[in-house]
Amino acid sequence: MNLLERYLQGDTVQVYEEIERMGQNAFERNNLPEVKAVLTETMNRVAYNLDVIYVALVDEKYCFKKLPGMISNSPFSSPDGEPSFAFVD
Protein backbone atom coordinates (compact mmCIF):
# COMPACT_ATOMS: atom_id res chain seq x y z
CA MET A 1 0.00 0.00 0.00
CA ASN A 2 1.38 3.44 -0.87
CA LEU A 3 1.51 6.46 1.43
CA LEU A 4 -1.71 8.05 0.17
CA GLU A 5 -3.68 4.81 0.50
CA ARG A 6 -2.45 4.41 4.06
CA TYR A 7 -3.23 8.06 4.80
CA LEU A 8 -6.77 7.69 3.45
CA GLN A 9 -7.26 4.59 5.61
CA GLY A 10 -6.47 6.61 8.72
CA ASP A 11 -2.78 5.97 9.28
CA THR A 12 -2.14 9.71 9.19
CA VAL A 13 0.37 9.92 12.06
CA GLN A 14 2.38 6.96 10.80
CA VAL A 15 2.45 8.39 7.25
CA TYR A 16 3.59 11.80 8.49
CA GLU A 17 6.31 10.15 10.58
CA GLU A 18 7.47 8.13 7.59
CA ILE A 19 7.66 11.27 5.44
CA GLU A 20 9.58 13.05 8.21
CA ARG A 21 12.07 10.15 8.43
CA MET A 22 12.67 10.52 4.67
CA GLY A 23 14.11 13.97 5.31
CA GLN A 24 15.51 15.44 2.11
CA ASN A 25 14.89 12.11 0.36
CA ALA A 26 11.18 13.01 0.32
CA PHE A 27 12.03 15.38 -2.54
CA GLU A 28 13.68 12.69 -4.66
CA ARG A 29 12.01 11.79 -7.95
CA ASN A 30 10.82 8.37 -6.76
CA ASN A 31 9.32 9.69 -3.47
CA LEU A 32 7.96 13.09 -4.43
CA PRO A 33 4.75 12.00 -6.21
CA GLU A 34 3.58 10.04 -3.16
CA VAL A 35 4.59 12.74 -0.71
CA LYS A 36 2.91 15.39 -2.84
CA ALA A 37 -0.29 13.31 -3.00
CA VAL A 38 -0.41 13.06 0.81
CA LEU A 39 0.27 16.77 1.25
CA THR A 40 -2.35 17.68 -1.36
CA GLU A 41 -4.93 15.55 0.44
CA THR A 42 -3.94 17.15 3.75
CA MET A 43 -4.39 20.67 2.35
CA ASN A 44 -7.74 19.69 0.78
CA ARG A 45 -8.87 18.59 4.22
CA VAL A 46 -7.59 21.82 5.76
CA ALA A 47 -9.49 23.87 3.15
CA TYR A 48 -12.67 21.89 3.76
CA ASN A 49 -12.41 22.35 7.53
CA LEU A 50 -11.73 26.07 7.16
CA ASP A 51 -14.82 26.40 4.98
CA VAL A 52 -16.89 24.61 7.63
CA ILE A 53 -15.53 26.90 10.35
CA TYR A 54 -16.10 29.99 8.23
CA VAL A 55 -19.74 29.09 7.54
CA ALA A 56 -20.32 28.42 11.24
CA LEU A 57 -18.80 31.79 12.14
CA VAL A 58 -20.91 33.59 9.55
CA ASP A 59 -24.02 31.84 10.90
CA GLU A 60 -23.11 33.17 14.34
CA LYS A 61 -22.74 36.69 12.84
CA TYR A 62 -19.03 36.77 13.66
CA CYS A 63 -17.52 40.12 12.74
CA PHE A 64 -14.43 39.51 10.62
CA LYS A 65 -11.87 42.29 10.76
CA LYS A 66 -10.08 43.25 7.57
CA LEU A 67 -6.35 43.15 8.14
CA PRO A 68 -4.40 46.35 7.45
CA GLY A 69 -2.64 46.34 4.12
CA MET A 70 -4.81 43.65 2.57
CA ILE A 71 -5.71 44.52 -0.99
CA SER A 72 -8.52 41.99 -1.19
CA ASN A 73 -11.40 40.92 0.96
CA SER A 74 -10.78 37.31 -0.06
CA PRO A 75 -7.11 36.42 0.33
CA PHE A 76 -7.65 32.68 0.21
CA SER A 77 -8.10 30.83 -3.05
CA SER A 78 -8.90 27.25 -3.92
CA PRO A 79 -6.61 25.31 -6.29
CA ASP A 80 -8.76 26.47 -9.22
CA GLY A 81 -8.07 30.10 -8.25
CA GLU A 82 -11.57 30.83 -6.97
CA PRO A 83 -11.85 32.26 -3.47
CA SER A 84 -12.97 29.56 -1.05
CA PHE A 85 -14.41 32.21 1.28
CA ALA A 86 -14.31 35.92 1.90
CA PHE A 87 -14.21 38.19 4.91
CA VAL A 88 -17.50 39.79 5.94
CA ASP A 89 -17.34 43.56 6.30
C-alpha atoms as a PDB file:
ATOM      1  CA  MET A   1       0.000   0.000   0.000  1.00  0.00           C
ATOM      2  CA  ASN A   2       1.380   3.438  -0.873  1.00  0.00           C
ATOM      3  CA  LEU A   3       1.507   6.465   1.428  1.00  0.00           C
ATOM      4  CA  LEU A   4      -1.714   8.046   0.173  1.00  0.00           C
ATOM      5  CA  GLU A   5      -3.677   4.810   0.501  1.00  0.00           C
ATOM      6  CA  ARG A   6      -2.450   4.406   4.063  1.00  0.00           C
ATOM      7  CA  TYR A   7      -3.233   8.061   4.804  1.00  0.00           C
ATOM      8  CA  LEU A   8      -6.769   7.692   3.450  1.00  0.00           C
ATOM      9  CA  GLN A   9      -7.261   4.591   5.608  1.00  0.00           C
ATOM     10  CA  GLY A  10      -6.468   6.613   8.724  1.00  0.00           C
ATOM     11  CA  ASP A  11      -2.777   5.970   9.276  1.00  0.00           C
ATOM     12  CA  THR A  12      -2.139   9.711   9.192  1.00  0.00           C
ATOM     13  CA  VAL A  13       0.368   9.922  12.056  1.00  0.00           C
ATOM     14  CA  GLN A  14       2.378   6.961  10.796  1.00  0.00           C
ATOM     15  CA  VAL A  15       2.450   8.394   7.249  1.00  0.00           C
ATOM     16  CA  TYR A  16       3.588  11.802   8.488  1.00  0.00           C
ATOM     17  CA  GLU A  17       6.306  10.146  10.584  1.00  0.00           C
ATOM     18  CA  GLU A  18       7.471   8.133   7.586  1.00  0.00           C
ATOM     19  CA  ILE A  19       7.665  11.269   5.442  1.00  0.00           C
ATOM     20  CA  GLU A  20       9.582  13.046   8.208  1.00  0.00           C
ATOM     21  CA  ARG A  21      12.067  10.154   8.426  1.00  0.00           C
ATOM     22  CA  MET A  22      12.671  10.515   4.675  1.00  0.00           C
ATOM     23  CA  GLY A  23      14.115  13.968   5.308  1.00  0.00           C
ATOM     24  CA  GLN A  24      15.510  15.438   2.107  1.00  0.00           C
ATOM     25  CA  ASN A  25      14.889  12.110   0.358  1.00  0.00           C
ATOM     26  CA  ALA A  26      11.182  13.010   0.323  1.00  0.00           C
ATOM     27  CA  PHE A  27      12.035  15.383  -2.540  1.00  0.00           C
ATOM     28  CA  GLU A  28      13.675  12.692  -4.664  1.00  0.00           C
ATOM     29  CA  ARG A  29      12.006  11.790  -7.947  1.00  0.00           C
ATOM     30  CA  ASN A  30      10.824   8.375  -6.757  1.00  0.00           C
ATOM     31  CA  ASN A  31       9.324   9.691  -3.466  1.00  0.00           C
ATOM     32  CA  LEU A  32       7.965  13.092  -4.429  1.00  0.00           C
ATOM     33  CA  PRO A  33       4.746  12.004  -6.212  1.00  0.00           C
ATOM     34  CA  GLU A  34       3.575  10.038  -3.161  1.00  0.00           C
ATOM     35  CA  VAL A  35       4.592  12.743  -0.711  1.00  0.00           C
ATOM     36  CA  LYS A  36       2.911  15.387  -2.840  1.00  0.00           C
ATOM     37  CA  ALA A  37      -0.293  13.310  -3.002  1.00  0.00           C
ATOM     38  CA  VAL A  38      -0.410  13.060   0.807  1.00  0.00           C
ATOM     39  CA  LEU A  39       0.266  16.773   1.254  1.00  0.00           C
ATOM     40  CA  THR A  40      -2.352  17.685  -1.360  1.00  0.00           C
ATOM     41  CA  GLU A  41      -4.927  15.550   0.441  1.00  0.00           C
ATOM     42  CA  THR A  42      -3.938  17.153   3.745  1.00  0.00           C
ATOM     43  CA  MET A  43      -4.394  20.666   2.350  1.00  0.00           C
ATOM     44  CA  ASN A  44      -7.741  19.693   0.782  1.00  0.00           C
ATOM     45  CA  ARG A  45      -8.874  18.590   4.224  1.00  0.00           C
ATOM     46  CA  VAL A  46      -7.594  21.820   5.759  1.00  0.00           C
ATOM     47  CA  ALA A  47      -9.485  23.866   3.147  1.00  0.00           C
ATOM     48  CA  TYR A  48     -12.670  21.894   3.758  1.00  0.00           C
ATOM     49  CA  ASN A  49     -12.410  22.348   7.526  1.00  0.00           C
ATOM     50  CA  LEU A  50     -11.730  26.073   7.163  1.00  0.00           C
ATOM     51  CA  ASP A  51     -14.823  26.398   4.979  1.00  0.00           C
ATOM     52  CA  VAL A  52     -16.893  24.605   7.632  1.00  0.00           C
ATOM     53  CA  ILE A  53     -15.527  26.898  10.353  1.00  0.00           C
ATOM     54  CA  TYR A  54     -16.104  29.991   8.232  1.00  0.00           C
ATOM     55  CA  VAL A  55     -19.745  29.091   7.537  1.00  0.00           C
ATOM     56  CA  ALA A  56     -20.325  28.423  11.236  1.00  0.00           C
ATOM     57  CA  LEU A  57     -18.801  31.789  12.144  1.00  0.00           C
ATOM     58  CA  VAL A  58     -20.914  33.595   9.552  1.00  0.00           C
ATOM     59  CA  ASP A  59     -24.018  31.836  10.901  1.00  0.00           C
ATOM     60  CA  GLU A  60     -23.106  33.175  14.343  1.00  0.00           C
ATOM     61  CA  LYS A  61     -22.740  36.688  12.838  1.00  0.00           C
ATOM     62  CA  TYR A  62     -19.031  36.769  13.661  1.00  0.00           C
ATOM     63  CA  CYS A  63     -17.516  40.124  12.745  1.00  0.00           C
ATOM     64  CA  PHE A  64     -14.430  39.513  10.622  1.00  0.00           C
ATOM     65  CA  LYS A  65     -11.872  42.289  10.762  1.00  0.00           C
ATOM     66  CA  LYS A  66     -10.084  43.247   7.575  1.00  0.00           C
ATOM     67  CA  LEU A  67      -6.349  43.151   8.143  1.00  0.00           C
ATOM     68  CA  PRO A  68      -4.404  46.353   7.453  1.00  0.00           C
ATOM     69  CA  GLY A  69      -2.641  46.342   4.120  1.00  0.00           C
ATOM     70  CA  MET A  70      -4.809  43.647   2.571  1.00  0.00           C
ATOM     71  CA  ILE A  71      -5.713  44.522  -0.993  1.00  0.00           C
ATOM     72  CA  SER A  72      -8.518  41.990  -1.190  1.00  0.00           C
ATOM     73  CA  ASN A  73     -11.401  40.917   0.963  1.00  0.00           C
ATOM     74  CA  SER A  74     -10.775  37.310  -0.056  1.00  0.00           C
ATOM     75  CA  PRO A  75      -7.110  36.415   0.334  1.00  0.00           C
ATOM     76  CA  PHE A  76      -7.647  32.677   0.210  1.00  0.00           C
ATOM     77  CA  SER A  77      -8.101  30.832  -3.053  1.00  0.00           C
ATOM     78  CA  SER A  78      -8.900  27.253  -3.922  1.00  0.00           C
ATOM     79  CA  PRO A  79      -6.612  25.311  -6.289  1.00  0.00           C
ATOM     80  CA  ASP A  80      -8.755  26.469  -9.222  1.00  0.00           C
ATOM     81  CA  GLY A  81      -8.066  30.098  -8.249  1.00  0.00           C
ATOM     82  CA  GLU A  82     -11.566  30.827  -6.971  1.00  0.00           C
ATOM     83  CA  PRO A  83     -11.845  32.256  -3.467  1.00  0.00           C
ATOM     84  CA  SER A  84     -12.970  29.564  -1.052  1.00  0.00           C
ATOM     85  CA  PHE A  85     -14.409  32.211   1.281  1.00  0.00           C
ATOM     86  CA  ALA A  86     -14.314  35.922   1.895  1.00  0.00           C
ATOM     87  CA  PHE A  87     -14.212  38.191   4.914  1.00  0.00           C
ATOM     88  CA  VAL A  88     -17.496  39.788   5.944  1.00  0.00           C
ATOM     89  CA  ASP A  89     -17.341  43.556   6.295  1.00  0.00           C
END
